[in-house]
Amino acid sequence: MFKLRAFIPSGMRLLAEGDLAPSFTLPADSGRRVSLEALRGRKVVVWFYAEAGTPACALQGKDFRDASRDFESSGVLVVGISPDPVEALRAFRRESRIPFPLLSDPDHAVATAYGAWGKKSLYGRNVVGTIRSTFLVGPDGRILRAFRNVRAKGHCARVLAELPRAGEPPPQRALKRGGGPAPKPRSNGRGRAR
């Protein structure tokens, strides 16, 4: 298992729930251009992934594919965004039977605007690339939920679980004295918290 850690450049503010989602118009695998503005009035899942066809991205894409009816029945449209050229997206969509549009962001402008492009630590090395992230955008164009630096496995289920609560304030973690997050219970080695 590898550990991925993203670094936030100083002075950069991450998008938060309630912020207006950065607008975009990008070429899709179909040859059309897809605009977030044209999708106003619907909830949209904007899924950022690193590279079409890689194992983790394929796993995540197939999870979103398998849940596409659940998203549709909730009135949610899914779009995937990566830096891949349109031809690679077309092949990835065909091979993985993905039913939603895949968009090309070759200059990383949209990923950067969403905080999904930047410096990260991968296998102990600092690299620059896509920070696997997903945003649920409301019908009014505002961010309802932001999922940052996520693991591919199980992520789609987490997004689906948040749909009924989207639009409500995000759950707050309990705070310990002094304002920091409360520590997680530690095990005594026998499966019980101490």
N, C-alpha and C. Protein backbone atom coordinates (compact mmCIF):
# COMPACT_ATOMS: atom_id res chain seq x y z
N MET A 1 0.85 -1.18 0.00
CA MET A 1 0.00 0.00 0.00
C MET A 1 0.89 1.23 0.00
N PHE A 2 0.52 2.22 -0.77
CA PHE A 2 1.31 3.44 -0.82
C PHE A 2 0.58 4.56 -0.09
N LYS A 3 1.34 5.55 0.26
CA LYS A 3 0.76 6.70 0.95
C LYS A 3 0.92 7.92 0.04
N LEU A 4 -0.15 8.64 -0.14
CA LEU A 4 -0.15 9.84 -0.96
C LEU A 4 -0.50 11.01 -0.06
N ARG A 5 0.29 12.05 -0.14
CA ARG A 5 0.02 13.24 0.65
C ARG A 5 0.08 14.45 -0.27
N ALA A 6 -0.92 15.30 -0.22
CA ALA A 6 -0.95 16.48 -1.06
C ALA A 6 -0.48 17.68 -0.25
N PHE A 7 0.20 18.60 -0.91
CA PHE A 7 0.69 19.81 -0.27
C PHE A 7 -0.08 20.99 -0.83
N ILE A 8 -0.53 21.87 0.03
CA ILE A 8 -1.27 23.06 -0.39
C ILE A 8 -0.30 24.23 -0.43
N PRO A 9 -0.14 24.85 -1.62
CA PRO A 9 0.76 26.01 -1.71
C PRO A 9 0.30 27.12 -0.78
N SER A 10 1.25 27.83 -0.18
CA SER A 10 0.89 28.92 0.72
C SER A 10 0.14 29.99 -0.07
N GLY A 11 -0.86 30.55 0.55
CA GLY A 11 -1.66 31.59 -0.08
C GLY A 11 -2.81 31.04 -0.91
N MET A 12 -2.83 29.72 -1.17
CA MET A 12 -3.92 29.13 -1.95
C MET A 12 -5.03 28.70 -1.02
N ARG A 13 -6.24 29.13 -1.32
CA ARG A 13 -7.40 28.77 -0.53
C ARG A 13 -8.14 27.64 -1.24
N LEU A 14 -8.39 26.56 -0.54
CA LEU A 14 -9.12 25.44 -1.11
C LEU A 14 -10.61 25.77 -1.18
N LEU A 15 -11.27 25.23 -2.19
CA LEU A 15 -12.71 25.39 -2.31
C LEU A 15 -13.38 24.73 -1.11
N ALA A 16 -14.41 25.37 -0.62
CA ALA A 16 -15.15 24.83 0.52
C ALA A 16 -16.62 24.71 0.15
N GLU A 17 -17.34 23.91 0.93
CA GLU A 17 -18.78 23.79 0.72
C GLU A 17 -19.40 25.18 0.76
N GLY A 18 -20.25 25.48 -0.22
CA GLY A 18 -20.90 26.78 -0.31
C GLY A 18 -20.24 27.72 -1.31
N ASP A 19 -18.97 27.45 -1.67
CA ASP A 19 -18.27 28.27 -2.66
C ASP A 19 -18.86 28.01 -4.04
N LEU A 20 -18.79 29.03 -4.89
CA LEU A 20 -19.19 28.86 -6.28
C LEU A 20 -18.15 27.98 -6.97
N ALA A 21 -18.61 26.94 -7.65
CA ALA A 21 -17.70 26.03 -8.35
C ALA A 21 -17.08 26.76 -9.54
N PRO A 22 -15.78 26.63 -9.73
CA PRO A 22 -15.16 27.26 -10.90
C PRO A 22 -15.79 26.74 -12.19
N SER A 23 -16.13 27.67 -13.06
CA SER A 23 -16.75 27.33 -14.33
C SER A 23 -15.72 26.71 -15.26
N PHE A 24 -16.17 25.85 -16.16
CA PHE A 24 -15.27 25.28 -17.14
C PHE A 24 -16.04 24.88 -18.39
N THR A 25 -15.34 24.85 -19.49
CA THR A 25 -15.81 24.28 -20.75
C THR A 25 -14.63 23.50 -21.30
N LEU A 26 -14.80 22.18 -21.42
CA LEU A 26 -13.70 21.29 -21.82
C LEU A 26 -14.15 20.34 -22.92
N PRO A 27 -13.20 19.90 -23.76
CA PRO A 27 -13.54 18.90 -24.77
C PRO A 27 -13.80 17.54 -24.12
N ALA A 28 -14.83 16.87 -24.62
CA ALA A 28 -15.20 15.55 -24.11
C ALA A 28 -14.74 14.46 -25.05
N ASP A 29 -14.76 13.24 -24.56
CA ASP A 29 -14.38 12.07 -25.37
C ASP A 29 -15.27 11.95 -26.60
N SER A 30 -16.46 12.51 -26.56
CA SER A 30 -17.41 12.42 -27.68
C SER A 30 -17.07 13.39 -28.81
N GLY A 31 -16.16 14.32 -28.55
CA GLY A 31 -15.84 15.35 -29.52
C GLY A 31 -16.59 16.65 -29.24
N ARG A 32 -17.63 16.59 -28.40
CA ARG A 32 -18.36 17.81 -28.01
C ARG A 32 -17.59 18.54 -26.92
N ARG A 33 -18.03 19.75 -26.61
CA ARG A 33 -17.48 20.49 -25.48
C ARG A 33 -18.55 20.48 -24.39
N VAL A 34 -18.13 20.26 -23.15
CA VAL A 34 -19.05 20.21 -22.02
C VAL A 34 -18.74 21.38 -21.11
N SER A 35 -19.80 22.10 -20.74
CA SER A 35 -19.67 23.29 -19.90
C SER A 35 -20.43 23.07 -18.59
N LEU A 36 -19.81 23.45 -17.49
CA LEU A 36 -20.50 23.37 -16.20
C LEU A 36 -21.71 24.29 -16.20
N GLU A 37 -21.60 25.44 -16.84
CA GLU A 37 -22.73 26.39 -16.92
C GLU A 37 -23.94 25.74 -17.58
N ALA A 38 -23.71 24.95 -18.62
CA ALA A 38 -24.82 24.30 -19.33
C ALA A 38 -25.50 23.24 -18.46
N LEU A 39 -24.85 22.81 -17.39
CA LEU A 39 -25.40 21.78 -16.51
C LEU A 39 -26.12 22.38 -15.31
N ARG A 40 -26.18 23.71 -15.24
CA ARG A 40 -26.88 24.37 -14.12
C ARG A 40 -28.30 23.83 -14.02
N GLY A 41 -28.80 23.72 -12.81
CA GLY A 41 -30.13 23.18 -12.57
C GLY A 41 -30.08 21.70 -12.20
N ARG A 42 -28.90 21.08 -12.33
CA ARG A 42 -28.72 19.68 -11.95
C ARG A 42 -27.56 19.58 -10.97
N LYS A 43 -27.59 18.55 -10.15
CA LYS A 43 -26.41 18.23 -9.35
C LYS A 43 -25.41 17.53 -10.25
N VAL A 44 -24.13 17.86 -10.06
CA VAL A 44 -23.08 17.29 -10.89
C VAL A 44 -21.94 16.80 -10.00
N VAL A 45 -21.50 15.57 -10.24
CA VAL A 45 -20.29 15.06 -9.61
C VAL A 45 -19.15 15.34 -10.57
N VAL A 46 -18.16 16.12 -10.11
CA VAL A 46 -16.97 16.41 -10.91
C VAL A 46 -15.84 15.59 -10.30
N TRP A 47 -15.42 14.57 -11.05
CA TRP A 47 -14.44 13.58 -10.57
C TRP A 47 -13.11 13.81 -11.29
N PHE A 48 -12.07 14.14 -10.53
CA PHE A 48 -10.72 14.33 -11.08
C PHE A 48 -9.91 13.06 -10.86
N TYR A 49 -9.33 12.56 -11.93
CA TYR A 49 -8.49 11.36 -11.85
C TYR A 49 -7.22 11.59 -12.65
N ALA A 50 -6.19 10.81 -12.35
CA ALA A 50 -4.85 11.09 -12.87
C ALA A 50 -4.64 10.69 -14.33
N GLU A 51 -4.98 9.46 -14.68
CA GLU A 51 -4.66 9.01 -16.02
C GLU A 51 -5.59 7.88 -16.45
N ALA A 52 -6.18 8.04 -17.62
CA ALA A 52 -7.09 7.03 -18.16
C ALA A 52 -6.38 5.68 -18.29
N GLY A 53 -7.06 4.64 -17.79
CA GLY A 53 -6.55 3.29 -17.98
C GLY A 53 -5.60 2.78 -16.91
N THR A 54 -5.11 3.65 -16.03
CA THR A 54 -4.25 3.15 -14.96
C THR A 54 -5.10 2.34 -13.99
N PRO A 55 -4.50 1.41 -13.25
CA PRO A 55 -5.31 0.51 -12.41
C PRO A 55 -6.24 1.24 -11.43
N ALA A 56 -5.74 2.20 -10.69
CA ALA A 56 -6.59 2.88 -9.70
C ALA A 56 -7.68 3.70 -10.37
N CYS A 57 -7.33 4.38 -11.45
CA CYS A 57 -8.33 5.20 -12.16
C CYS A 57 -9.37 4.31 -12.82
N ALA A 58 -8.96 3.16 -13.36
CA ALA A 58 -9.90 2.22 -13.96
C ALA A 58 -10.85 1.67 -12.89
N LEU A 59 -10.31 1.34 -11.71
CA LEU A 59 -11.15 0.86 -10.60
C LEU A 59 -12.18 1.91 -10.22
N GLN A 60 -11.73 3.14 -10.07
CA GLN A 60 -12.63 4.21 -9.68
C GLN A 60 -13.66 4.48 -10.77
N GLY A 61 -13.23 4.49 -12.02
CA GLY A 61 -14.15 4.70 -13.13
C GLY A 61 -15.22 3.63 -13.20
N LYS A 62 -14.82 2.38 -12.98
CA LYS A 62 -15.78 1.28 -13.00
C LYS A 62 -16.74 1.36 -11.82
N ASP A 63 -16.26 1.82 -10.68
CA ASP A 63 -17.16 2.01 -9.53
C ASP A 63 -18.22 3.06 -9.85
N PHE A 64 -17.79 4.18 -10.46
CA PHE A 64 -18.76 5.21 -10.86
C PHE A 64 -19.70 4.66 -11.94
N ARG A 65 -19.15 3.86 -12.87
CA ARG A 65 -19.98 3.24 -13.91
C ARG A 65 -21.04 2.35 -13.27
N ASP A 66 -20.62 1.48 -12.35
CA ASP A 66 -21.55 0.54 -11.73
C ASP A 66 -22.62 1.24 -10.90
N ALA A 67 -22.32 2.45 -10.45
CA ALA A 67 -23.29 3.21 -9.64
C ALA A 67 -24.04 4.24 -10.47
N SER A 68 -23.86 4.22 -11.79
CA SER A 68 -24.44 5.27 -12.62
C SER A 68 -25.96 5.35 -12.50
N ARG A 69 -26.63 4.22 -12.36
CA ARG A 69 -28.10 4.25 -12.20
C ARG A 69 -28.50 4.90 -10.88
N ASP A 70 -27.71 4.66 -9.83
CA ASP A 70 -27.99 5.30 -8.54
C ASP A 70 -27.84 6.82 -8.65
N PHE A 71 -26.79 7.25 -9.35
CA PHE A 71 -26.61 8.69 -9.55
C PHE A 71 -27.75 9.26 -10.38
N GLU A 72 -28.10 8.58 -11.48
CA GLU A 72 -29.18 9.05 -12.35
C GLU A 72 -30.49 9.14 -11.59
N SER A 73 -30.82 8.12 -10.78
CA SER A 73 -32.09 8.14 -10.05
C SER A 73 -32.12 9.25 -9.00
N SER A 74 -30.94 9.73 -8.61
CA SER A 74 -30.86 10.85 -7.67
C SER A 74 -30.77 12.19 -8.41
N GLY A 75 -30.85 12.14 -9.74
CA GLY A 75 -30.79 13.35 -10.54
C GLY A 75 -29.40 13.95 -10.64
N VAL A 76 -28.37 13.11 -10.50
CA VAL A 76 -26.99 13.58 -10.49
C VAL A 76 -26.28 13.12 -11.77
N LEU A 77 -25.61 14.06 -12.42
CA LEU A 77 -24.79 13.75 -13.59
C LEU A 77 -23.34 13.64 -13.14
N VAL A 78 -22.61 12.67 -13.66
CA VAL A 78 -21.19 12.49 -13.34
C VAL A 78 -20.36 12.90 -14.55
N VAL A 79 -19.29 13.66 -14.33
CA VAL A 79 -18.29 13.94 -15.36
C VAL A 79 -16.92 13.65 -14.76
N GLY A 80 -16.07 13.02 -15.56
CA GLY A 80 -14.69 12.74 -15.15
C GLY A 80 -13.75 13.69 -15.86
N ILE A 81 -12.73 14.18 -15.17
CA ILE A 81 -11.77 15.11 -15.76
C ILE A 81 -10.36 14.60 -15.49
N SER A 82 -9.55 14.56 -16.56
CA SER A 82 -8.14 14.19 -16.43
C SER A 82 -7.34 14.99 -17.45
N PRO A 83 -6.01 14.97 -17.31
CA PRO A 83 -5.18 15.70 -18.29
C PRO A 83 -4.98 14.95 -19.60
N ASP A 84 -5.59 13.78 -19.76
CA ASP A 84 -5.41 12.96 -20.95
C ASP A 84 -5.97 13.63 -22.20
N PRO A 85 -5.38 13.32 -23.37
CA PRO A 85 -5.97 13.81 -24.62
C PRO A 85 -7.30 13.10 -24.89
N VAL A 86 -8.12 13.72 -25.71
CA VAL A 86 -9.46 13.20 -26.00
C VAL A 86 -9.41 11.76 -26.52
N GLU A 87 -8.42 11.42 -27.35
CA GLU A 87 -8.33 10.07 -27.90
C GLU A 87 -8.16 9.03 -26.79
N ALA A 88 -7.33 9.33 -25.80
CA ALA A 88 -7.13 8.40 -24.67
C ALA A 88 -8.41 8.26 -23.86
N LEU A 89 -9.14 9.37 -23.69
CA LEU A 89 -10.40 9.32 -22.96
C LEU A 89 -11.43 8.47 -23.69
N ARG A 90 -11.45 8.62 -25.01
CA ARG A 90 -12.39 7.85 -25.83
C ARG A 90 -12.12 6.35 -25.67
N ALA A 91 -10.84 5.97 -25.72
CA ALA A 91 -10.48 4.55 -25.56
C ALA A 91 -10.81 4.05 -24.16
N PHE A 92 -10.52 4.87 -23.14
CA PHE A 92 -10.80 4.49 -21.75
C PHE A 92 -12.30 4.31 -21.54
N ARG A 93 -13.09 5.21 -22.08
CA ARG A 93 -14.54 5.13 -21.91
C ARG A 93 -15.08 3.88 -22.61
N ARG A 94 -14.59 3.60 -23.80
CA ARG A 94 -15.05 2.43 -24.56
C ARG A 94 -14.64 1.13 -23.84
N GLU A 95 -13.36 1.02 -23.45
CA GLU A 95 -12.87 -0.20 -22.81
C GLU A 95 -13.54 -0.47 -21.46
N SER A 96 -13.80 0.60 -20.71
CA SER A 96 -14.37 0.45 -19.37
C SER A 96 -15.90 0.57 -19.37
N ARG A 97 -16.48 0.81 -20.54
CA ARG A 97 -17.94 0.97 -20.68
C ARG A 97 -18.49 2.03 -19.73
N ILE A 98 -17.81 3.16 -19.68
CA ILE A 98 -18.22 4.26 -18.80
C ILE A 98 -19.34 5.04 -19.48
N PRO A 99 -20.50 5.22 -18.82
CA PRO A 99 -21.65 5.83 -19.46
C PRO A 99 -21.72 7.36 -19.38
N PHE A 100 -20.77 7.97 -18.73
CA PHE A 100 -20.81 9.43 -18.56
C PHE A 100 -19.62 10.08 -19.28
N PRO A 101 -19.69 11.38 -19.53
CA PRO A 101 -18.63 12.06 -20.29
C PRO A 101 -17.31 12.13 -19.52
N LEU A 102 -16.22 11.95 -20.28
CA LEU A 102 -14.87 12.14 -19.76
C LEU A 102 -14.29 13.36 -20.46
N LEU A 103 -13.77 14.30 -19.69
CA LEU A 103 -13.32 15.58 -20.22
C LEU A 103 -11.81 15.72 -20.14
N SER A 104 -11.24 16.40 -21.12
CA SER A 104 -9.79 16.58 -21.21
C SER A 104 -9.39 17.97 -20.70
N ASP A 105 -8.47 17.98 -19.75
CA ASP A 105 -7.94 19.22 -19.15
C ASP A 105 -6.41 19.18 -19.28
N PRO A 106 -5.89 19.26 -20.52
CA PRO A 106 -4.46 19.03 -20.73
C PRO A 106 -3.54 20.07 -20.09
N ASP A 107 -4.02 21.28 -19.89
CA ASP A 107 -3.16 22.30 -19.27
C ASP A 107 -3.40 22.41 -17.76
N HIS A 108 -4.25 21.54 -17.23
CA HIS A 108 -4.52 21.44 -15.78
C HIS A 108 -5.19 22.69 -15.20
N ALA A 109 -5.71 23.55 -16.04
CA ALA A 109 -6.31 24.80 -15.56
C ALA A 109 -7.52 24.55 -14.67
N VAL A 110 -8.38 23.62 -15.09
CA VAL A 110 -9.58 23.34 -14.30
C VAL A 110 -9.20 22.60 -13.01
N ALA A 111 -8.33 21.61 -13.13
CA ALA A 111 -7.88 20.88 -11.93
C ALA A 111 -7.22 21.83 -10.94
N THR A 112 -6.44 22.77 -11.43
CA THR A 112 -5.79 23.75 -10.55
C THR A 112 -6.83 24.62 -9.86
N ALA A 113 -7.84 25.06 -10.60
CA ALA A 113 -8.89 25.91 -10.02
C ALA A 113 -9.65 25.19 -8.91
N TYR A 114 -9.76 23.87 -9.02
CA TYR A 114 -10.47 23.08 -8.00
C TYR A 114 -9.52 22.59 -6.90
N GLY A 115 -8.23 22.86 -7.02
CA GLY A 115 -7.26 22.37 -6.04
C GLY A 115 -6.94 20.90 -6.23
N ALA A 116 -7.21 20.37 -7.44
CA ALA A 116 -6.99 18.96 -7.73
C ALA A 116 -5.72 18.74 -8.54
N TRP A 117 -4.88 19.74 -8.66
CA TRP A 117 -3.59 19.62 -9.35
C TRP A 117 -2.55 20.28 -8.47
N GLY A 118 -1.46 19.61 -8.24
CA GLY A 118 -0.41 20.22 -7.43
C GLY A 118 0.64 19.23 -6.99
N LYS A 119 1.43 19.69 -6.06
CA LYS A 119 2.52 18.89 -5.52
C LYS A 119 1.95 17.86 -4.54
N LYS A 120 2.46 16.65 -4.66
CA LYS A 120 2.02 15.57 -3.77
C LYS A 120 3.18 14.63 -3.54
N SER A 121 3.09 13.85 -2.50
CA SER A 121 4.10 12.85 -2.19
C SER A 121 3.55 11.50 -2.59
N LEU A 122 4.28 10.79 -3.44
CA LEU A 122 3.85 9.48 -3.93
C LEU A 122 5.02 8.52 -3.83
N TYR A 123 4.86 7.45 -3.07
CA TYR A 123 5.93 6.48 -2.83
C TYR A 123 7.18 7.17 -2.27
N GLY A 124 6.99 8.19 -1.44
CA GLY A 124 8.10 8.87 -0.81
C GLY A 124 8.78 9.93 -1.66
N ARG A 125 8.30 10.12 -2.89
CA ARG A 125 8.87 11.14 -3.78
C ARG A 125 7.89 12.29 -3.93
N ASN A 126 8.40 13.50 -4.03
CA ASN A 126 7.55 14.65 -4.31
C ASN A 126 7.37 14.77 -5.81
N VAL A 127 6.12 14.80 -6.24
CA VAL A 127 5.78 14.91 -7.66
C VAL A 127 4.67 15.94 -7.81
N VAL A 128 4.46 16.38 -9.03
CA VAL A 128 3.34 17.28 -9.34
C VAL A 128 2.39 16.50 -10.23
N GLY A 129 1.11 16.53 -9.89
CA GLY A 129 0.13 15.80 -10.68
C GLY A 129 -1.26 15.98 -10.15
N THR A 130 -2.15 15.14 -10.65
CA THR A 130 -3.55 15.19 -10.23
C THR A 130 -3.69 14.66 -8.82
N ILE A 131 -4.37 15.41 -8.00
CA ILE A 131 -4.70 14.99 -6.63
C ILE A 131 -6.12 14.44 -6.72
N ARG A 132 -6.25 13.13 -6.60
CA ARG A 132 -7.55 12.48 -6.80
C ARG A 132 -8.59 13.15 -5.90
N SER A 133 -9.55 13.82 -6.53
CA SER A 133 -10.56 14.60 -5.81
C SER A 133 -11.89 14.53 -6.53
N THR A 134 -12.96 14.71 -5.77
CA THR A 134 -14.31 14.73 -6.34
C THR A 134 -15.09 15.84 -5.67
N PHE A 135 -15.90 16.52 -6.47
CA PHE A 135 -16.73 17.61 -5.96
C PHE A 135 -18.17 17.38 -6.37
N LEU A 136 -19.08 17.55 -5.43
CA LEU A 136 -20.50 17.50 -5.73
C LEU A 136 -20.97 18.95 -5.84
N VAL A 137 -21.40 19.31 -7.05
CA VAL A 137 -21.83 20.68 -7.34
C VAL A 137 -23.35 20.70 -7.37
N GLY A 138 -23.93 21.66 -6.67
CA GLY A 138 -25.39 21.77 -6.60
C GLY A 138 -25.98 22.41 -7.84
N PRO A 139 -27.31 22.36 -7.95
CA PRO A 139 -27.99 22.94 -9.11
C PRO A 139 -27.73 24.44 -9.28
N ASP A 140 -27.36 25.11 -8.18
CA ASP A 140 -27.08 26.55 -8.23
C ASP A 140 -25.62 26.84 -8.56
N GLY A 141 -24.82 25.78 -8.80
CA GLY A 141 -23.42 25.97 -9.15
C GLY A 141 -22.49 26.08 -7.96
N ARG A 142 -22.99 25.81 -6.77
CA ARG A 142 -22.15 25.89 -5.57
C ARG A 142 -21.70 24.50 -5.14
N ILE A 143 -20.53 24.45 -4.51
CA ILE A 143 -19.98 23.19 -4.01
C ILE A 143 -20.82 22.72 -2.83
N LEU A 144 -21.38 21.50 -2.96
CA LEU A 144 -22.13 20.90 -1.85
C LEU A 144 -21.22 20.04 -0.98
N ARG A 145 -20.29 19.32 -1.62
CA ARG A 145 -19.34 18.49 -0.91
C ARG A 145 -18.02 18.47 -1.67
N ALA A 146 -16.93 18.43 -0.93
CA ALA A 146 -15.59 18.32 -1.52
C ALA A 146 -14.91 17.11 -0.90
N PHE A 147 -14.45 16.21 -1.74
CA PHE A 147 -13.73 15.01 -1.31
C PHE A 147 -12.32 15.15 -1.88
N ARG A 148 -11.34 15.34 -1.03
CA ARG A 148 -9.98 15.60 -1.50
C ARG A 148 -9.04 14.46 -1.15
N ASN A 149 -8.05 14.28 -2.05
CA ASN A 149 -6.97 13.34 -1.79
C ASN A 149 -7.53 11.98 -1.35
N VAL A 150 -8.45 11.45 -2.16
CA VAL A 150 -9.18 10.24 -1.79
C VAL A 150 -8.49 8.99 -2.32
N ARG A 151 -8.84 7.86 -1.75
CA ARG A 151 -8.38 6.57 -2.25
C ARG A 151 -9.41 6.11 -3.29
N ALA A 152 -8.94 5.43 -4.30
CA ALA A 152 -9.83 4.98 -5.37
C ALA A 152 -10.88 3.99 -4.86
N LYS A 153 -10.43 3.01 -4.08
CA LYS A 153 -11.32 1.96 -3.61
C LYS A 153 -12.31 2.51 -2.58
N GLY A 154 -13.59 2.32 -2.85
CA GLY A 154 -14.63 2.73 -1.92
C GLY A 154 -15.04 4.18 -2.01
N HIS A 155 -14.36 4.96 -2.83
CA HIS A 155 -14.67 6.39 -2.89
C HIS A 155 -16.06 6.66 -3.46
N CYS A 156 -16.42 5.96 -4.52
CA CYS A 156 -17.73 6.17 -5.14
C CYS A 156 -18.86 5.92 -4.14
N ALA A 157 -18.73 4.88 -3.34
CA ALA A 157 -19.74 4.57 -2.33
C ALA A 157 -19.86 5.71 -1.32
N ARG A 158 -18.74 6.32 -0.99
CA ARG A 158 -18.76 7.45 -0.05
C ARG A 158 -19.49 8.64 -0.67
N VAL A 159 -19.26 8.90 -1.95
CA VAL A 159 -19.95 10.00 -2.63
C VAL A 159 -21.45 9.72 -2.66
N LEU A 160 -21.83 8.49 -3.01
CA LEU A 160 -23.25 8.12 -3.03
C LEU A 160 -23.90 8.29 -1.66
N ALA A 161 -23.19 7.92 -0.62
CA ALA A 161 -23.72 8.03 0.74
C ALA A 161 -23.97 9.48 1.13
N GLU A 162 -23.22 10.40 0.56
CA GLU A 162 -23.37 11.82 0.89
C GLU A 162 -24.51 12.49 0.12
N LEU A 163 -25.00 11.88 -0.95
CA LEU A 163 -26.03 12.52 -1.77
C LEU A 163 -27.27 12.94 -0.98
N PRO A 164 -27.82 12.08 -0.11
CA PRO A 164 -29.02 12.50 0.62
C PRO A 164 -28.77 13.69 1.54
N ARG A 165 -27.52 13.84 2.00
CA ARG A 165 -27.20 14.92 2.94
C ARG A 165 -26.67 16.15 2.24
N ALA A 166 -26.45 16.06 0.94
CA ALA A 166 -25.87 17.19 0.20
C ALA A 166 -26.76 18.41 0.35
N GLY A 167 -26.16 19.52 0.63
CA GLY A 167 -26.89 20.76 0.86
C GLY A 167 -27.00 21.09 2.33
N GLU A 168 -26.78 20.07 3.18
CA GLU A 168 -26.73 20.30 4.62
C GLU A 168 -25.29 20.62 5.00
N PRO A 169 -25.06 21.26 6.14
CA PRO A 169 -23.68 21.50 6.55
C PRO A 169 -22.94 20.19 6.71
N PRO A 170 -21.62 20.15 6.38
CA PRO A 170 -20.86 18.91 6.54
C PRO A 170 -20.78 18.51 8.00
N PRO A 171 -20.68 17.20 8.26
CA PRO A 171 -20.59 16.75 9.65
C PRO A 171 -19.34 17.31 10.31
N GLN A 172 -19.47 17.71 11.56
CA GLN A 172 -18.35 18.27 12.31
C GLN A 172 -17.74 17.20 13.20
N ARG A 173 -16.41 17.18 13.26
CA ARG A 173 -15.74 16.26 14.17
C ARG A 173 -15.78 16.86 15.57
N ALA A 174 -15.86 15.99 16.54
CA ALA A 174 -15.83 16.45 17.93
C ALA A 174 -14.48 17.11 18.22
N LEU A 175 -14.51 18.16 19.02
CA LEU A 175 -13.28 18.85 19.37
C LEU A 175 -12.88 18.53 20.80
N LYS A 176 -11.58 18.38 21.02
CA LYS A 176 -11.09 18.20 22.38
C LYS A 176 -10.83 19.58 22.97
N ARG A 177 -10.53 19.64 24.22
CA ARG A 177 -10.17 20.92 24.84
C ARG A 177 -8.98 21.49 24.11
N GLY A 178 -9.00 22.78 23.88
CA GLY A 178 -7.92 23.43 23.16
C GLY A 178 -8.25 23.61 21.69
N GLY A 179 -9.40 23.06 21.23
CA GLY A 179 -9.87 23.33 19.89
C GLY A 179 -9.48 22.33 18.82
N GLY A 180 -8.54 21.44 19.08
CA GLY A 180 -8.14 20.48 18.05
C GLY A 180 -9.12 19.33 17.96
N PRO A 181 -9.01 18.51 16.90
CA PRO A 181 -9.91 17.37 16.78
C PRO A 181 -9.66 16.36 17.90
N ALA A 182 -10.73 15.73 18.34
CA ALA A 182 -10.61 14.72 19.38
C ALA A 182 -9.79 13.54 18.86
N PRO A 183 -8.92 12.96 19.67
CA PRO A 183 -8.13 11.82 19.21
C PRO A 183 -9.03 10.62 18.96
N LYS A 184 -8.63 9.78 18.02
CA LYS A 184 -9.36 8.55 17.77
C LYS A 184 -9.08 7.59 18.91
N PRO A 185 -10.08 6.77 19.30
CA PRO A 185 -9.84 5.79 20.37
C PRO A 185 -8.75 4.82 19.95
N ARG A 186 -7.86 4.49 20.87
CA ARG A 186 -6.78 3.57 20.59
C ARG A 186 -7.14 2.20 21.12
N SER A 187 -6.67 1.18 20.44
CA SER A 187 -6.96 -0.19 20.84
C SER A 187 -5.92 -0.64 21.86
N ASN A 188 -6.34 -1.53 22.74
CA ASN A 188 -5.41 -2.10 23.70
C ASN A 188 -4.78 -3.39 23.18
N GLY A 189 -4.98 -3.66 21.88
CA GLY A 189 -4.43 -4.87 21.27
C GLY A 189 -5.36 -6.05 21.32
N ARG A 190 -6.45 -5.94 22.06
CA ARG A 190 -7.42 -7.04 22.17
C ARG A 190 -8.75 -6.64 21.53
N GLY A 191 -8.70 -5.60 20.65
CA GLY A 191 -9.91 -5.18 19.95
C GLY A 191 -10.80 -4.26 20.73
N ARG A 192 -10.34 -3.84 21.93
CA ARG A 192 -11.15 -2.92 22.74
C ARG A 192 -10.43 -1.60 22.86
N ALA A 193 -11.23 -0.54 22.94
CA ALA A 193 -10.64 0.79 23.13
C ALA A 193 -10.14 0.90 24.56
N ARG A 194 -9.06 1.64 24.72
CA ARG A 194 -8.58 1.84 26.09
C ARG A 194 -8.79 3.26 26.51
